[in-house]
């Protein structure tokens, strides 16, 4: 967290708290379809718990170091996937 950093609440950040992770998750979900490879499906399955742990850690840091983040979490309920997670 940088000094004087503000919480962004516009655009995709108004829908999910981690839009970049949402984008990478979509990439990993479509990779098995594009490549037609069982290996890419396994990579996608391995990615989900890794990203979940990273998000938990990141949110702990942001709650401590970024003013207004707790209120933002209350306002924007979903971490990555609207209406799901």
C-alpha atoms as a PDB file:
ATOM      1  CA  UNK A   1       0.000   0.000   0.000  1.00  0.00           C
ATOM      2  CA  UNK A   2       1.388   3.369  -1.007  1.00  0.00           C
ATOM      3  CA  UNK A   3       1.165   6.507   1.074  1.00  0.00           C
ATOM      4  CA  UNK A   4      -2.004   8.528   0.312  1.00  0.00           C
ATOM      5  CA  UNK A   5      -3.398   5.660  -1.782  1.00  0.00           C
ATOM      6  CA  UNK A   6      -7.162   5.820  -2.279  1.00  0.00           C
ATOM      7  CA  UNK A   7      -9.715   3.038  -2.670  1.00  0.00           C
ATOM      8  CA  UNK A   8     -11.008   2.898  -6.248  1.00  0.00           C
ATOM      9  CA  UNK A   9     -14.771   2.390  -6.369  1.00  0.00           C
ATOM     10  CA  UNK A  10     -15.575   3.112 -10.022  1.00  0.00           C
ATOM     11  CA  UNK A  11     -15.742   0.854 -13.065  1.00  0.00           C
ATOM     12  CA  UNK A  12     -15.240  -2.860 -12.440  1.00  0.00           C
ATOM     13  CA  UNK A  13     -14.062  -2.058  -8.906  1.00  0.00           C
ATOM     14  CA  UNK A  14     -17.670  -1.122  -8.156  1.00  0.00           C
ATOM     15  CA  UNK A  15     -18.773  -4.664  -9.082  1.00  0.00           C
ATOM     16  CA  UNK A  16     -15.942  -6.879  -7.775  1.00  0.00           C
ATOM     17  CA  UNK A  17     -13.041  -6.074  -5.468  1.00  0.00           C
ATOM     18  CA  UNK A  18     -10.411  -7.830  -7.596  1.00  0.00           C
ATOM     19  CA  UNK A  19     -11.144  -7.301 -11.312  1.00  0.00           C
ATOM     20  CA  UNK A  20      -7.605  -8.272 -12.359  1.00  0.00           C
ATOM     21  CA  UNK A  21      -8.002 -11.657 -10.701  1.00  0.00           C
ATOM     22  CA  UNK A  22     -11.390 -11.970 -12.403  1.00  0.00           C
ATOM     23  CA  UNK A  23      -9.675 -11.443 -15.768  1.00  0.00           C
ATOM     24  CA  UNK A  24      -6.988 -14.028 -15.107  1.00  0.00           C
ATOM     25  CA  UNK A  25      -9.592 -16.488 -13.858  1.00  0.00           C
ATOM     26  CA  UNK A  26     -11.545 -16.044 -17.107  1.00  0.00           C
ATOM     27  CA  UNK A  27      -8.319 -16.624 -19.032  1.00  0.00           C
ATOM     28  CA  UNK A  28      -7.598 -19.839 -17.136  1.00  0.00           C
ATOM     29  CA  UNK A  29     -11.212 -21.004 -17.521  1.00  0.00           C
ATOM     30  CA  UNK A  30     -11.167 -20.549 -21.305  1.00  0.00           C
ATOM     31  CA  UNK A  31      -7.691 -22.022 -21.820  1.00  0.00           C
ATOM     32  CA  UNK A  32      -8.899 -25.667 -21.773  1.00  0.00           C
ATOM     33  CA  UNK A  33     -11.530 -24.823 -24.392  1.00  0.00           C
ATOM     34  CA  UNK A  34      -9.061 -23.064 -26.685  1.00  0.00           C
ATOM     35  CA  UNK A  35      -6.227 -25.559 -26.294  1.00  0.00           C
ATOM     36  CA  UNK A  36      -8.361 -28.680 -26.006  1.00  0.00           C
ATOM     37  CA  UNK A  37      -5.886 -30.040 -23.505  1.00  0.00           C
ATOM     38  CA  UNK A  38      -6.586 -31.910 -20.258  1.00  0.00           C
ATOM     39  CA  UNK A  39      -3.330 -30.476 -18.890  1.00  0.00           C
ATOM     40  CA  UNK A  40      -4.636 -26.931 -19.261  1.00  0.00           C
ATOM     41  CA  UNK A  41      -7.775 -27.969 -17.353  1.00  0.00           C
ATOM     42  CA  UNK A  42      -5.555 -29.234 -14.518  1.00  0.00           C
ATOM     43  CA  UNK A  43      -3.649 -25.956 -14.485  1.00  0.00           C
ATOM     44  CA  UNK A  44      -6.938 -24.085 -14.184  1.00  0.00           C
ATOM     45  CA  UNK A  45      -7.995 -26.251 -11.234  1.00  0.00           C
ATOM     46  CA  UNK A  46      -4.642 -25.656  -9.526  1.00  0.00           C
ATOM     47  CA  UNK A  47      -4.925 -21.900 -10.079  1.00  0.00           C
ATOM     48  CA  UNK A  48      -8.162 -21.475  -8.100  1.00  0.00           C
ATOM     49  CA  UNK A  49      -6.835 -22.289  -4.578  1.00  0.00           C
ATOM     50  CA  UNK A  50      -3.650 -20.335  -5.278  1.00  0.00           C
ATOM     51  CA  UNK A  51      -5.557 -17.206  -6.217  1.00  0.00           C
ATOM     52  CA  UNK A  52      -7.988 -17.657  -3.300  1.00  0.00           C
ATOM     53  CA  UNK A  53      -5.094 -17.673  -0.828  1.00  0.00           C
ATOM     54  CA  UNK A  54      -3.504 -14.661  -2.492  1.00  0.00           C
ATOM     55  CA  UNK A  55      -6.767 -12.714  -2.292  1.00  0.00           C
ATOM     56  CA  UNK A  56      -7.160 -13.533   1.425  1.00  0.00           C
ATOM     57  CA  UNK A  57      -3.638 -12.315   2.142  1.00  0.00           C
ATOM     58  CA  UNK A  58      -4.051  -9.199   0.017  1.00  0.00           C
ATOM     59  CA  UNK A  59      -7.302  -8.248   1.723  1.00  0.00           C
ATOM     60  CA  UNK A  60      -5.712  -8.574   5.174  1.00  0.00           C
ATOM     61  CA  UNK A  61      -2.960  -6.163   4.117  1.00  0.00           C
ATOM     62  CA  UNK A  62      -5.448  -3.734   2.578  1.00  0.00           C
ATOM     63  CA  UNK A  63      -7.701  -3.737   5.657  1.00  0.00           C
ATOM     64  CA  UNK A  64      -4.753  -2.771   7.833  1.00  0.00           C
ATOM     65  CA  UNK A  65      -2.988  -0.336   5.526  1.00  0.00           C
ATOM     66  CA  UNK A  66      -5.632   1.262   3.304  1.00  0.00           C
ATOM     67  CA  UNK A  67      -8.066   3.706   4.831  1.00  0.00           C
ATOM     68  CA  UNK A  68     -11.649   3.047   3.738  1.00  0.00           C
ATOM     69  CA  UNK A  69     -11.071  -0.517   2.563  1.00  0.00           C
ATOM     70  CA  UNK A  70     -13.344  -2.080   5.185  1.00  0.00           C
ATOM     71  CA  UNK A  71     -16.217   0.160   4.098  1.00  0.00           C
ATOM     72  CA  UNK A  72     -15.451  -0.720   0.483  1.00  0.00           C
ATOM     73  CA  UNK A  73     -15.669  -4.446   1.356  1.00  0.00           C
ATOM     74  CA  UNK A  74     -19.103  -3.872   2.863  1.00  0.00           C
ATOM     75  CA  UNK A  75     -20.279  -1.973  -0.216  1.00  0.00           C
ATOM     76  CA  UNK A  76     -18.767  -4.331  -2.833  1.00  0.00           C
ATOM     77  CA  UNK A  77     -19.640  -7.827  -1.630  1.00  0.00           C
ATOM     78  CA  UNK A  78     -18.045  -9.946  -4.341  1.00  0.00           C
ATOM     79  CA  UNK A  79     -14.315 -10.581  -4.553  1.00  0.00           C
ATOM     80  CA  UNK A  80     -13.929 -11.975  -8.060  1.00  0.00           C
ATOM     81  CA  UNK A  81     -17.153 -13.268  -9.626  1.00  0.00           C
ATOM     82  CA  UNK A  82     -20.360 -11.209  -9.316  1.00  0.00           C
ATOM     83  CA  UNK A  83     -23.147 -13.032  -7.425  1.00  0.00           C
ATOM     84  CA  UNK A  84     -20.830 -16.031  -6.780  1.00  0.00           C
ATOM     85  CA  UNK A  85     -17.579 -15.183  -4.976  1.00  0.00           C
END
